[in-house]
Amino acid sequence: MSDFENTEVRTASFAPIAPDLPVGMPNGLDLLMDVPLRISVELGRTKLSVREVLDLQNGAVVELDRMAGDAVDVLVNDKLMARGEVVVVDDKFGIRITEILTPTKRAS
């Protein structure tokens, strides 16, 4: 005979995971709005040996794997999220987002 045969079984009850926040307090996605993200834009890539990098001088041209005018990659925390085109705004470079990638496109 098992010790558990005469044991009373009850349904477990748990406290709410997140209590209701006071009115005006951020919740859901609003809680993440101030989290800093590192955004970088990749114009292209190339492979160079250490010797080639050490030989670079002012004015050196490094050929990338993309053509002028091709879309640039927009990375958020080192993950490809979008593609865009380089624009100039008030004498500063910027990126106009032309495509936001779906998770399926990001993986390929």
PDB file of N, CA and C in Angstrom:
ATOM      1  N   MET A   1       0.844  -1.182   0.000  1.00  0.00           N
ATOM      2  CA  MET A   1       0.000   0.000   0.000  1.00  0.00           C
ATOM      3  C   MET A   1       0.888   1.242   0.000  1.00  0.00           C
ATOM      4  N   SER A   2       0.589   2.202  -0.881  1.00  0.00           N
ATOM      5  CA  SER A   2       1.373   3.419  -1.031  1.00  0.00           C
ATOM      6  C   SER A   2       0.964   4.466  -0.006  1.00  0.00           C
ATOM      7  N   ASP A   3       1.910   5.303   0.374  1.00  0.00           N
ATOM      8  CA  ASP A   3       1.640   6.390   1.310  1.00  0.00           C
ATOM      9  C   ASP A   3       0.755   7.457   0.676  1.00  0.00           C
ATOM     10  N   PHE A   4       0.643   7.482  -0.630  1.00  0.00           N
ATOM     11  CA  PHE A   4      -0.081   8.531  -1.323  1.00  0.00           C
ATOM     12  C   PHE A   4      -1.556   8.211  -1.543  1.00  0.00           C
ATOM     13  N   GLU A   5      -1.984   7.010  -1.251  1.00  0.00           N
ATOM     14  CA  GLU A   5      -3.365   6.629  -1.527  1.00  0.00           C
ATOM     15  C   GLU A   5      -4.373   7.441  -0.725  1.00  0.00           C
ATOM     16  N   ASN A   6      -4.058   7.821   0.461  1.00  0.00           N
ATOM     17  CA  ASN A   6      -4.996   8.568   1.307  1.00  0.00           C
ATOM     18  C   ASN A   6      -4.677  10.060   1.347  1.00  0.00           C
ATOM     19  N   THR A   7      -3.839  10.530   0.434  1.00  0.00           N
ATOM     20  CA  THR A   7      -3.449  11.934   0.411  1.00  0.00           C
ATOM     21  C   THR A   7      -4.517  12.744  -0.314  1.00  0.00           C
ATOM     22  N   GLU A   8      -4.872  13.880   0.271  1.00  0.00           N
ATOM     23  CA  GLU A   8      -5.867  14.776  -0.344  1.00  0.00           C
ATOM     24  C   GLU A   8      -5.226  15.520  -1.505  1.00  0.00           C
ATOM     25  N   VAL A   9      -5.901  15.556  -2.640  1.00  0.00           N
ATOM     26  CA  VAL A   9      -5.405  16.243  -3.832  1.00  0.00           C
ATOM     27  C   VAL A   9      -6.219  17.497  -4.027  1.00  0.00           C
ATOM     28  N   ARG A  10      -5.525  18.644  -4.195  1.00  0.00           N
ATOM     29  CA  ARG A  10      -6.211  19.921  -4.408  1.00  0.00           C
ATOM     30  C   ARG A  10      -5.644  20.595  -5.658  1.00  0.00           C
ATOM     31  N   THR A  11      -6.407  21.486  -6.235  1.00  0.00           N
ATOM     32  CA  THR A  11      -5.959  22.279  -7.366  1.00  0.00           C
ATOM     33  C   THR A  11      -5.039  23.376  -6.863  1.00  0.00           C
ATOM     34  N   ALA A  12      -3.933  23.575  -7.570  1.00  0.00           N
ATOM     35  CA  ALA A  12      -2.974  24.618  -7.176  1.00  0.00           C
ATOM     36  C   ALA A  12      -3.530  25.980  -7.571  1.00  0.00           C
ATOM     37  N   SER A  13      -3.255  26.978  -6.743  1.00  0.00           N
ATOM     38  CA  SER A  13      -3.627  28.355  -7.086  1.00  0.00           C
ATOM     39  C   SER A  13      -2.386  29.214  -6.925  1.00  0.00           C
ATOM     40  N   PHE A  14      -2.179  30.106  -7.902  1.00  0.00           N
ATOM     41  CA  PHE A  14      -0.990  30.942  -7.914  1.00  0.00           C
ATOM     42  C   PHE A  14      -1.394  32.401  -7.932  1.00  0.00           C
ATOM     43  N   ALA A  15      -0.530  33.242  -7.361  1.00  0.00           N
ATOM     44  CA  ALA A  15      -0.747  34.691  -7.413  1.00  0.00           C
ATOM     45  C   ALA A  15      -0.510  35.148  -8.853  1.00  0.00           C
ATOM     46  N   PRO A  16      -1.107  36.262  -9.244  1.00  0.00           N
ATOM     47  CA  PRO A  16      -0.875  36.769 -10.604  1.00  0.00           C
ATOM     48  C   PRO A  16       0.621  36.994 -10.840  1.00  0.00           C
ATOM     49  N   ILE A  17       1.071  36.714 -12.079  1.00  0.00           N
ATOM     50  CA  ILE A  17       2.482  36.887 -12.415  1.00  0.00           C
ATOM     51  C   ILE A  17       2.864  38.355 -12.328  1.00  0.00           C
ATOM     52  N   ALA A  18       2.048  39.225 -12.898  1.00  0.00           N
ATOM     53  CA  ALA A  18       2.332  40.656 -12.853  1.00  0.00           C
ATOM     54  C   ALA A  18       1.106  41.357 -12.294  1.00  0.00           C
ATOM     55  N   PRO A  19       1.232  41.946 -11.131  1.00  0.00           N
ATOM     56  CA  PRO A  19       0.071  42.652 -10.593  1.00  0.00           C
ATOM     57  C   PRO A  19      -0.291  43.827 -11.492  1.00  0.00           C
ATOM     58  N   ASP A  20      -1.529  44.258 -11.409  1.00  0.00           N
ATOM     59  CA  ASP A  20      -1.964  45.397 -12.206  1.00  0.00           C
ATOM     60  C   ASP A  20      -1.114  46.608 -11.846  1.00  0.00           C
ATOM     61  N   LEU A  21      -0.630  47.293 -12.892  1.00  0.00           N
ATOM     62  CA  LEU A  21       0.180  48.484 -12.674  1.00  0.00           C
ATOM     63  C   LEU A  21      -0.730  49.682 -12.450  1.00  0.00           C
ATOM     64  N   PRO A  22      -0.272  50.658 -11.673  1.00  0.00           N
ATOM     65  CA  PRO A  22      -1.081  51.854 -11.467  1.00  0.00           C
ATOM     66  C   PRO A  22      -1.361  52.546 -12.803  1.00  0.00           C
ATOM     67  N   VAL A  23      -2.443  53.278 -12.861  1.00  0.00           N
ATOM     68  CA  VAL A  23      -2.807  53.999 -14.067  1.00  0.00           C
ATOM     69  C   VAL A  23      -1.676  54.952 -14.448  1.00  0.00           C
ATOM     70  N   GLY A  24      -1.344  54.998 -15.713  1.00  0.00           N
ATOM     71  CA  GLY A  24      -0.283  55.877 -16.192  1.00  0.00           C
ATOM     72  C   GLY A  24       1.082  55.221 -16.242  1.00  0.00           C
ATOM     73  N   MET A  25       1.235  54.048 -15.636  1.00  0.00           N
ATOM     74  CA  MET A  25       2.514  53.335 -15.681  1.00  0.00           C
ATOM     75  C   MET A  25       2.605  52.598 -17.008  1.00  0.00           C
ATOM     76  N   PRO A  26       3.803  52.574 -17.636  1.00  0.00           N
ATOM     77  CA  PRO A  26       3.946  51.867 -18.912  1.00  0.00           C
ATOM     78  C   PRO A  26       3.759  50.374 -18.716  1.00  0.00           C
ATOM     79  N   ASN A  27       3.245  49.725 -19.750  1.00  0.00           N
ATOM     80  CA  ASN A  27       3.105  48.274 -19.708  1.00  0.00           C
ATOM     81  C   ASN A  27       3.307  47.727 -21.116  1.00  0.00           C
ATOM     82  N   GLY A  28       3.437  46.433 -21.230  1.00  0.00           N
ATOM     83  CA  GLY A  28       3.623  45.805 -22.521  1.00  0.00           C
ATOM     84  C   GLY A  28       4.846  46.340 -23.246  1.00  0.00           C
ATOM     85  N   LEU A  29       4.677  46.667 -24.516  1.00  0.00           N
ATOM     86  CA  LEU A  29       5.776  47.158 -25.337  1.00  0.00           C
ATOM     87  C   LEU A  29       6.320  48.483 -24.832  1.00  0.00           C
ATOM     88  N   ASP A  30       5.491  49.287 -24.169  1.00  0.00           N
ATOM     89  CA  ASP A  30       5.950  50.572 -23.638  1.00  0.00           C
ATOM     90  C   ASP A  30       7.114  50.400 -22.659  1.00  0.00           C
ATOM     91  N   LEU A  31       7.183  49.268 -21.983  1.00  0.00           N
ATOM     92  CA  LEU A  31       8.275  49.023 -21.042  1.00  0.00           C
ATOM     93  C   LEU A  31       9.625  48.937 -21.754  1.00  0.00           C
ATOM     94  N   LEU A  32       9.618  48.599 -23.046  1.00  0.00           N
ATOM     95  CA  LEU A  32      10.857  48.425 -23.795  1.00  0.00           C
ATOM     96  C   LEU A  32      11.269  49.647 -24.600  1.00  0.00           C
ATOM     97  N   MET A  33      10.438  50.677 -24.625  1.00  0.00           N
ATOM     98  CA  MET A  33      10.700  51.803 -25.508  1.00  0.00           C
ATOM     99  C   MET A  33      11.985  52.560 -25.195  1.00  0.00           C
ATOM    100  N   ASP A  34      12.500  52.510 -23.985  1.00  0.00           N
ATOM    101  CA  ASP A  34      13.722  53.222 -23.624  1.00  0.00           C
ATOM    102  C   ASP A  34      14.949  52.313 -23.612  1.00  0.00           C
ATOM    103  N   VAL A  35      14.809  51.088 -24.079  1.00  0.00           N
ATOM    104  CA  VAL A  35      15.945  50.169 -24.112  1.00  0.00           C
ATOM    105  C   VAL A  35      16.830  50.546 -25.298  1.00  0.00           C
ATOM    106  N   PRO A  36      18.106  50.834 -25.046  1.00  0.00           N
ATOM    107  CA  PRO A  36      18.988  51.221 -26.156  1.00  0.00           C
ATOM    108  C   PRO A  36      19.306  50.035 -27.062  1.00  0.00           C
ATOM    109  N   LEU A  37      19.347  50.288 -28.366  1.00  0.00           N
ATOM    110  CA  LEU A  37      19.702  49.288 -29.362  1.00  0.00           C
ATOM    111  C   LEU A  37      20.850  49.841 -30.194  1.00  0.00           C
ATOM    112  N   ARG A  38      21.738  48.967 -30.613  1.00  0.00           N
ATOM    113  CA  ARG A  38      22.852  49.385 -31.466  1.00  0.00           C
ATOM    114  C   ARG A  38      22.443  49.139 -32.909  1.00  0.00           C
ATOM    115  N   ILE A  39      22.359  50.207 -33.683  1.00  0.00           N
ATOM    116  CA  ILE A  39      21.976  50.105 -35.092  1.00  0.00           C
ATOM    117  C   ILE A  39      23.204  50.428 -35.931  1.00  0.00           C
ATOM    118  N   SER A  40      23.502  49.546 -36.869  1.00  0.00           N
ATOM    119  CA  SER A  40      24.622  49.787 -37.772  1.00  0.00           C
ATOM    120  C   SER A  40      24.171  49.521 -39.200  1.00  0.00           C
ATOM    121  N   VAL A  41      24.877  50.143 -40.129  1.00  0.00           N
ATOM    122  CA  VAL A  41      24.555  50.004 -41.545  1.00  0.00           C
ATOM    123  C   VAL A  41      25.792  49.466 -42.245  1.00  0.00           C
ATOM    124  N   GLU A  42      25.593  48.421 -43.010  1.00  0.00           N
ATOM    125  CA  GLU A  42      26.703  47.791 -43.713  1.00  0.00           C
ATOM    126  C   GLU A  42      26.616  48.118 -45.197  1.00  0.00           C
ATOM    127  N   LEU A  43      27.628  48.815 -45.688  1.00  0.00           N
ATOM    128  CA  LEU A  43      27.674  49.176 -47.104  1.00  0.00           C
ATOM    129  C   LEU A  43      28.076  47.994 -47.969  1.00  0.00           C
ATOM    130  N   GLY A  44      28.874  47.116 -47.424  1.00  0.00           N
ATOM    131  CA  GLY A  44      29.355  45.950 -48.151  1.00  0.00           C
ATOM    132  C   GLY A  44      30.456  45.283 -47.361  1.00  0.00           C
ATOM    133  N   ARG A  45      31.010  44.220 -47.939  1.00  0.00           N
ATOM    134  CA  ARG A  45      32.069  43.468 -47.267  1.00  0.00           C
ATOM    135  C   ARG A  45      33.195  43.165 -48.240  1.00  0.00           C
ATOM    136  N   THR A  46      34.343  42.876 -47.675  1.00  0.00           N
ATOM    137  CA  THR A  46      35.478  42.405 -48.449  1.00  0.00           C
ATOM    138  C   THR A  46      36.371  41.591 -47.540  1.00  0.00           C
ATOM    139  N   LYS A  47      37.248  40.808 -48.129  1.00  0.00           N
ATOM    140  CA  LYS A  47      38.216  40.035 -47.359  1.00  0.00           C
ATOM    141  C   LYS A  47      39.602  40.561 -47.668  1.00  0.00           C
ATOM    142  N   LEU A  48      40.335  40.887 -46.615  1.00  0.00           N
ATOM    143  CA  LEU A  48      41.709  41.354 -46.748  1.00  0.00           C
ATOM    144  C   LEU A  48      42.582  40.576 -45.786  1.00  0.00           C
ATOM    145  N   SER A  49      43.803  40.330 -46.198  1.00  0.00           N
ATOM    146  CA  SER A  49      44.761  39.706 -45.285  1.00  0.00           C
ATOM    147  C   SER A  49      45.266  40.772 -44.317  1.00  0.00           C
ATOM    148  N   VAL A  50      45.893  40.343 -43.258  1.00  0.00           N
ATOM    149  CA  VAL A  50      46.463  41.284 -42.296  1.00  0.00           C
ATOM    150  C   VAL A  50      47.474  42.178 -43.010  1.00  0.00           C
ATOM    151  N   ARG A  51      48.278  41.617 -43.902  1.00  0.00           N
ATOM    152  CA  ARG A  51      49.277  42.393 -44.653  1.00  0.00           C
ATOM    153  C   ARG A  51      48.599  43.487 -45.466  1.00  0.00           C
ATOM    154  N   GLU A  52      47.485  43.150 -46.144  1.00  0.00           N
ATOM    155  CA  GLU A  52      46.772  44.140 -46.954  1.00  0.00           C
ATOM    156  C   GLU A  52      46.200  45.265 -46.079  1.00  0.00           C
ATOM    157  N   VAL A  53      45.693  44.925 -44.914  1.00  0.00           N
ATOM    158  CA  VAL A  53      45.165  45.952 -44.004  1.00  0.00           C
ATOM    159  C   VAL A  53      46.297  46.854 -43.530  1.00  0.00           C
ATOM    160  N   LEU A  54      47.430  46.273 -43.192  1.00  0.00           N
ATOM    161  CA  LEU A  54      48.570  47.069 -42.727  1.00  0.00           C
ATOM    162  C   LEU A  54      49.130  47.964 -43.833  1.00  0.00           C
ATOM    163  N   ASP A  55      48.944  47.568 -45.090  1.00  0.00           N
ATOM    164  CA  ASP A  55      49.433  48.367 -46.215  1.00  0.00           C
ATOM    165  C   ASP A  55      48.494  49.510 -46.595  1.00  0.00           C
ATOM    166  N   LEU A  56      47.292  49.567 -46.019  1.00  0.00           N
ATOM    167  CA  LEU A  56      46.350  50.640 -46.350  1.00  0.00           C
ATOM    168  C   LEU A  56      46.916  51.985 -45.897  1.00  0.00           C
ATOM    169  N   GLN A  57      46.694  52.993 -46.722  1.00  0.00           N
ATOM    170  CA  GLN A  57      47.137  54.342 -46.390  1.00  0.00           C
ATOM    171  C   GLN A  57      45.999  55.305 -46.667  1.00  0.00           C
ATOM    172  N   ASN A  58      46.159  56.559 -46.250  1.00  0.00           N
ATOM    173  CA  ASN A  58      45.149  57.578 -46.546  1.00  0.00           C
ATOM    174  C   ASN A  58      44.876  57.597 -48.045  1.00  0.00           C
ATOM    175  N   GLY A  59      43.619  57.618 -48.406  1.00  0.00           N
ATOM    176  CA  GLY A  59      43.232  57.666 -49.809  1.00  0.00           C
ATOM    177  C   GLY A  59      43.107  56.307 -50.462  1.00  0.00           C
ATOM    178  N   ALA A  60      43.442  55.252 -49.739  1.00  0.00           N
ATOM    179  CA  ALA A  60      43.328  53.906 -50.304  1.00  0.00           C
ATOM    180  C   ALA A  60      41.858  53.588 -50.565  1.00  0.00           C
ATOM    181  N   VAL A  61      41.607  52.860 -51.630  1.00  0.00           N
ATOM    182  CA  VAL A  61      40.251  52.453 -51.985  1.00  0.00           C
ATOM    183  C   VAL A  61      40.117  50.965 -51.684  1.00  0.00           C
ATOM    184  N   VAL A  62      39.101  50.614 -50.917  1.00  0.00           N
ATOM    185  CA  VAL A  62      38.829  49.215 -50.595  1.00  0.00           C
ATOM    186  C   VAL A  62      37.578  48.818 -51.361  1.00  0.00           C
ATOM    187  N   GLU A  63      37.709  47.846 -52.244  1.00  0.00           N
ATOM    188  CA  GLU A  63      36.584  47.410 -53.067  1.00  0.00           C
ATOM    189  C   GLU A  63      35.668  46.509 -52.241  1.00  0.00           C
ATOM    190  N   LEU A  64      34.371  46.817 -52.281  1.00  0.00           N
ATOM    191  CA  LEU A  64      33.379  46.039 -51.539  1.00  0.00           C
ATOM    192  C   LEU A  64      32.645  45.102 -52.489  1.00  0.00           C
ATOM    193  N   ASP A  65      31.854  44.193 -51.912  1.00  0.00           N
ATOM    194  CA  ASP A  65      31.143  43.199 -52.713  1.00  0.00           C
ATOM    195  C   ASP A  65      29.813  43.708 -53.265  1.00  0.00           C
ATOM    196  N   ARG A  66      29.574  45.005 -53.230  1.00  0.00           N
ATOM    197  CA  ARG A  66      28.325  45.576 -53.735  1.00  0.00           C
ATOM    198  C   ARG A  66      28.618  46.668 -54.741  1.00  0.00           C
ATOM    199  N   MET A  67      27.648  46.894 -55.592  1.00  0.00           N
ATOM    200  CA  MET A  67      27.769  47.954 -56.592  1.00  0.00           C
ATOM    201  C   MET A  67      27.267  49.262 -55.984  1.00  0.00           C
ATOM    202  N   ALA A  68      27.752  50.375 -56.517  1.00  0.00           N
ATOM    203  CA  ALA A  68      27.254  51.688 -56.091  1.00  0.00           C
ATOM    204  C   ALA A  68      25.759  51.725 -56.383  1.00  0.00           C
ATOM    205  N   GLY A  69      24.980  52.184 -55.444  1.00  0.00           N
ATOM    206  CA  GLY A  69      23.535  52.260 -55.616  1.00  0.00           C
ATOM    207  C   GLY A  69      22.783  51.039 -55.102  1.00  0.00           C
ATOM    208  N   ASP A  70      23.492  49.942 -54.776  1.00  0.00           N
ATOM    209  CA  ASP A  70      22.828  48.772 -54.191  1.00  0.00           C
ATOM    210  C   ASP A  70      22.300  49.108 -52.804  1.00  0.00           C
ATOM    211  N   ALA A  71      21.299  48.365 -52.379  1.00  0.00           N
ATOM    212  CA  ALA A  71      20.740  48.556 -51.034  1.00  0.00           C
ATOM    213  C   ALA A  71      21.791  48.228 -49.982  1.00  0.00           C
ATOM    214  N   VAL A  72      21.740  48.952 -48.869  1.00  0.00           N
ATOM    215  CA  VAL A  72      22.622  48.677 -47.735  1.00  0.00           C
ATOM    216  C   VAL A  72      21.838  47.887 -46.690  1.00  0.00           C
ATOM    217  N   ASP A  73      22.559  47.122 -45.884  1.00  0.00           N
ATOM    218  CA  ASP A  73      21.920  46.323 -44.837  1.00  0.00           C
ATOM    219  C   ASP A  73      21.840  47.129 -43.553  1.00  0.00           C
ATOM    220  N   VAL A  74      20.690  47.078 -42.881  1.00  0.00           N
ATOM    221  CA  VAL A  74      20.498  47.735 -41.593  1.00  0.00           C
ATOM    222  C   VAL A  74      20.452  46.633 -40.544  1.00  0.00           C
ATOM    223  N   LEU A  75      21.408  46.679 -39.615  1.00  0.00           N
ATOM    224  CA  LEU A  75      21.504  45.663 -38.572  1.00  0.00           C
ATOM    225  C   LEU A  75      21.135  46.269 -37.226  1.00  0.00           C
ATOM    226  N   VAL A  76      20.354  45.542 -36.446  1.00  0.00           N
ATOM    227  CA  VAL A  76      19.999  45.948 -35.095  1.00  0.00           C
ATOM    228  C   VAL A  76      20.585  44.891 -34.162  1.00  0.00           C
ATOM    229  N   ASN A  77      21.487  45.332 -33.299  1.00  0.00           N
ATOM    230  CA  ASN A  77      22.215  44.411 -32.414  1.00  0.00           C
ATOM    231  C   ASN A  77      22.808  43.249 -33.212  1.00  0.00           C
ATOM    232  N   ASP A  78      23.441  43.591 -34.333  1.00  0.00           N
ATOM    233  CA  ASP A  78      24.134  42.633 -35.211  1.00  0.00           C
ATOM    234  C   ASP A  78      23.213  41.648 -35.917  1.00  0.00           C
ATOM    235  N   LYS A  79      21.935  41.910 -35.962  1.00  0.00           N
ATOM    236  CA  LYS A  79      20.990  41.059 -36.696  1.00  0.00           C
ATOM    237  C   LYS A  79      20.397  41.861 -37.842  1.00  0.00           C
ATOM    238  N   LEU A  80      20.404  41.276 -39.033  1.00  0.00           N
ATOM    239  CA  LEU A  80      19.864  41.935 -40.212  1.00  0.00           C
ATOM    240  C   LEU A  80      18.364  42.132 -40.038  1.00  0.00           C
ATOM    241  N   MET A  81      17.902  43.381 -40.103  1.00  0.00           N
ATOM    242  CA  MET A  81      16.486  43.673 -39.897  1.00  0.00           C
ATOM    243  C   MET A  81      15.839  44.352 -41.099  1.00  0.00           C
ATOM    244  N   ALA A  82      16.645  45.101 -41.890  1.00  0.00           N
ATOM    245  CA  ALA A  82      16.053  45.869 -42.982  1.00  0.00           C
ATOM    246  C   ALA A  82      17.110  46.159 -44.030  1.00  0.00           C
ATOM    247  N   ARG A  83      16.635  46.691 -45.145  1.00  0.00           N
ATOM    248  CA  ARG A  83      17.524  47.186 -46.200  1.00  0.00           C
ATOM    249  C   ARG A  83      17.091  48.602 -46.529  1.00  0.00           C
ATOM    250  N   GLY A  84      18.031  49.392 -47.005  1.00  0.00           N
ATOM    251  CA  GLY A  84      17.693  50.767 -47.322  1.00  0.00           C
ATOM    252  C   GLY A  84      18.669  51.381 -48.295  1.00  0.00           C
ATOM    253  N   GLU A  85      18.470  52.668 -48.555  1.00  0.00           N
ATOM    254  CA  GLU A  85      19.349  53.393 -49.464  1.00  0.00           C
ATOM    255  C   GLU A  85      19.952  54.582 -48.734  1.00  0.00           C
ATOM    256  N   VAL A  86      21.174  54.899 -49.107  1.00  0.00           N
ATOM    257  CA  VAL A  86      21.886  56.015 -48.478  1.00  0.00           C
ATOM    258  C   VAL A  86      21.320  57.322 -49.023  1.00  0.00           C
ATOM    259  N   VAL A  87      21.042  58.262 -48.122  1.00  0.00           N
ATOM    260  CA  VAL A  87      20.549  59.586 -48.501  1.00  0.00           C
ATOM    261  C   VAL A  87      21.385  60.624 -47.759  1.00  0.00           C
ATOM    262  N   VAL A  88      21.321  61.862 -48.218  1.00  0.00           N
ATOM    263  CA  VAL A  88      21.998  62.964 -47.538  1.00  0.00           C
ATOM    264  C   VAL A  88      20.925  63.898 -47.008  1.00  0.00           C
ATOM    265  N   VAL A  89      20.983  64.185 -45.689  1.00  0.00           N
ATOM    266  CA  VAL A  89      20.018  65.067 -45.044  1.00  0.00           C
ATOM    267  C   VAL A  89      20.813  66.141 -44.311  1.00  0.00           C
ATOM    268  N   ASP A  90      20.680  67.389 -44.731  1.00  0.00           N
ATOM    269  CA  ASP A  90      21.405  68.502 -44.088  1.00  0.00           C
ATOM    270  C   ASP A  90      22.896  68.205 -43.958  1.00  0.00           C
ATOM    271  N   ASP A  91      23.521  67.805 -45.037  1.00  0.00           N
ATOM    272  CA  ASP A  91      24.960  67.519 -45.077  1.00  0.00           C
ATOM    273  C   ASP A  91      25.385  66.328 -44.212  1.00  0.00           C
ATOM    274  N   LYS A  92      24.451  65.498 -43.831  1.00  0.00           N
ATOM    275  CA  LYS A  92      24.771  64.289 -43.067  1.00  0.00           C
ATOM    276  C   LYS A  92      24.199  63.094 -43.814  1.00  0.00           C
ATOM    277  N   PHE A  93      24.884  61.961 -43.686  1.00  0.00           N
ATOM    278  CA  PHE A  93      24.380  60.745 -44.312  1.00  0.00           C
ATOM    279  C   PHE A  93      23.243  60.170 -43.478  1.00  0.00           C
ATOM    280  N   GLY A  94      22.285  59.568 -44.146  1.00  0.00           N
ATOM    281  CA  GLY A  94      21.179  58.889 -43.488  1.00  0.00           C
ATOM    282  C   GLY A  94      20.794  57.669 -44.305  1.00  0.00           C
ATOM    283  N   ILE A  95      19.841  56.917 -43.809  1.00  0.00           N
ATOM    284  CA  ILE A  95      19.359  55.726 -44.502  1.00  0.00           C
ATOM    285  C   ILE A  95      17.845  55.823 -44.630  1.00  0.00           C
ATOM    286  N   ARG A  96      17.355  55.653 -45.841  1.00  0.00           N
ATOM    287  CA  ARG A  96      15.910  55.553 -46.067  1.00  0.00           C
ATOM    288  C   ARG A  96      15.596  54.057 -46.122  1.00  0.00           C
ATOM    289  N   ILE A  97      14.776  53.599 -45.204  1.00  0.00           N
ATOM    290  CA  ILE A  97      14.419  52.183 -45.151  1.00  0.00           C
ATOM    291  C   ILE A  97      13.512  51.873 -46.346  1.00  0.00           C
ATOM    292  N   THR A  98      13.911  50.879 -47.128  1.00  0.00           N
ATOM    293  CA  THR A  98      13.115  50.489 -48.294  1.00  0.00           C
ATOM    294  C   THR A  98      12.465  49.132 -48.121  1.00  0.00           C
ATOM    295  N   GLU A  99      12.991  48.331 -47.185  1.00  0.00           N
ATOM    296  CA  GLU A  99      12.434  46.985 -46.976  1.00  0.00           C
ATOM    297  C   GLU A  99      12.706  46.548 -45.543  1.00  0.00           C
ATOM    298  N   ILE A 100      11.667  46.150 -44.838  1.00  0.00           N
ATOM    299  CA  ILE A 100      11.828  45.544 -43.515  1.00  0.00           C
ATOM    300  C   ILE A 100      11.704  44.043 -43.725  1.00  0.00           C
ATOM    301  N   LEU A 101      12.706  43.317 -43.280  1.00  0.00           N
ATOM    302  CA  LEU A 101      12.770  41.888 -43.568  1.00  0.00           C
ATOM    303  C   LEU A 101      11.927  41.073 -42.599  1.00  0.00           C
ATOM    304  N   THR A 102      11.245  40.088 -43.134  1.00  0.00           N
ATOM    305  CA  THR A 102      10.491  39.144 -42.309  1.00  0.00           C
ATOM    306  C   THR A 102      11.487  38.180 -41.671  1.00  0.00           C
ATOM    307  N   PRO A 103      11.111  37.510 -40.596  1.00  0.00           N
ATOM    308  CA  PRO A 103      12.033  36.539 -39.990  1.00  0.00           C
ATOM    309  C   PRO A 103      12.516  35.484 -40.995  1.00  0.00           C
ATOM    310  N   THR A 104      11.668  35.102 -41.941  1.00  0.00           N
ATOM    311  CA  THR A 104      12.070  34.113 -42.926  1.00  0.00           C
ATOM    312  C   THR A 104      13.170  34.661 -43.841  1.00  0.00           C
ATOM    313  N   LYS A 105      13.030  35.928 -44.277  1.00  0.00           N
ATOM    314  CA  LYS A 105      14.044  36.531 -45.139  1.00  0.00           C
ATOM    315  C   LYS A 105      15.330  36.807 -44.384  1.00  0.00           C
ATOM    316  N   ARG A 106      15.231  37.093 -43.080  1.00  0.00           N
ATOM    317  CA  ARG A 106      16.436  37.352 -42.280  1.00  0.00           C
ATOM    318  C   ARG A 106      17.307  36.119 -42.186  1.00  0.00           C
ATOM    319  N   ALA A 107      16.677  34.946 -42.146  1.00  0.00           N
ATOM    320  CA  ALA A 107      17.414  33.702 -41.966  1.00  0.00           C
ATOM    321  C   ALA A 107      18.160  33.301 -43.231  1.00  0.00           C
ATOM    322  N   SER A 108      17.711  33.742 -44.383  1.00  0.00           N
ATOM    323  CA  SER A 108      18.360  33.299 -45.630  1.00  0.00           C
ATOM    324  C   SER A 108      19.487  34.196 -46.046  1.00  0.00           C
TER     325      SER A 108
END
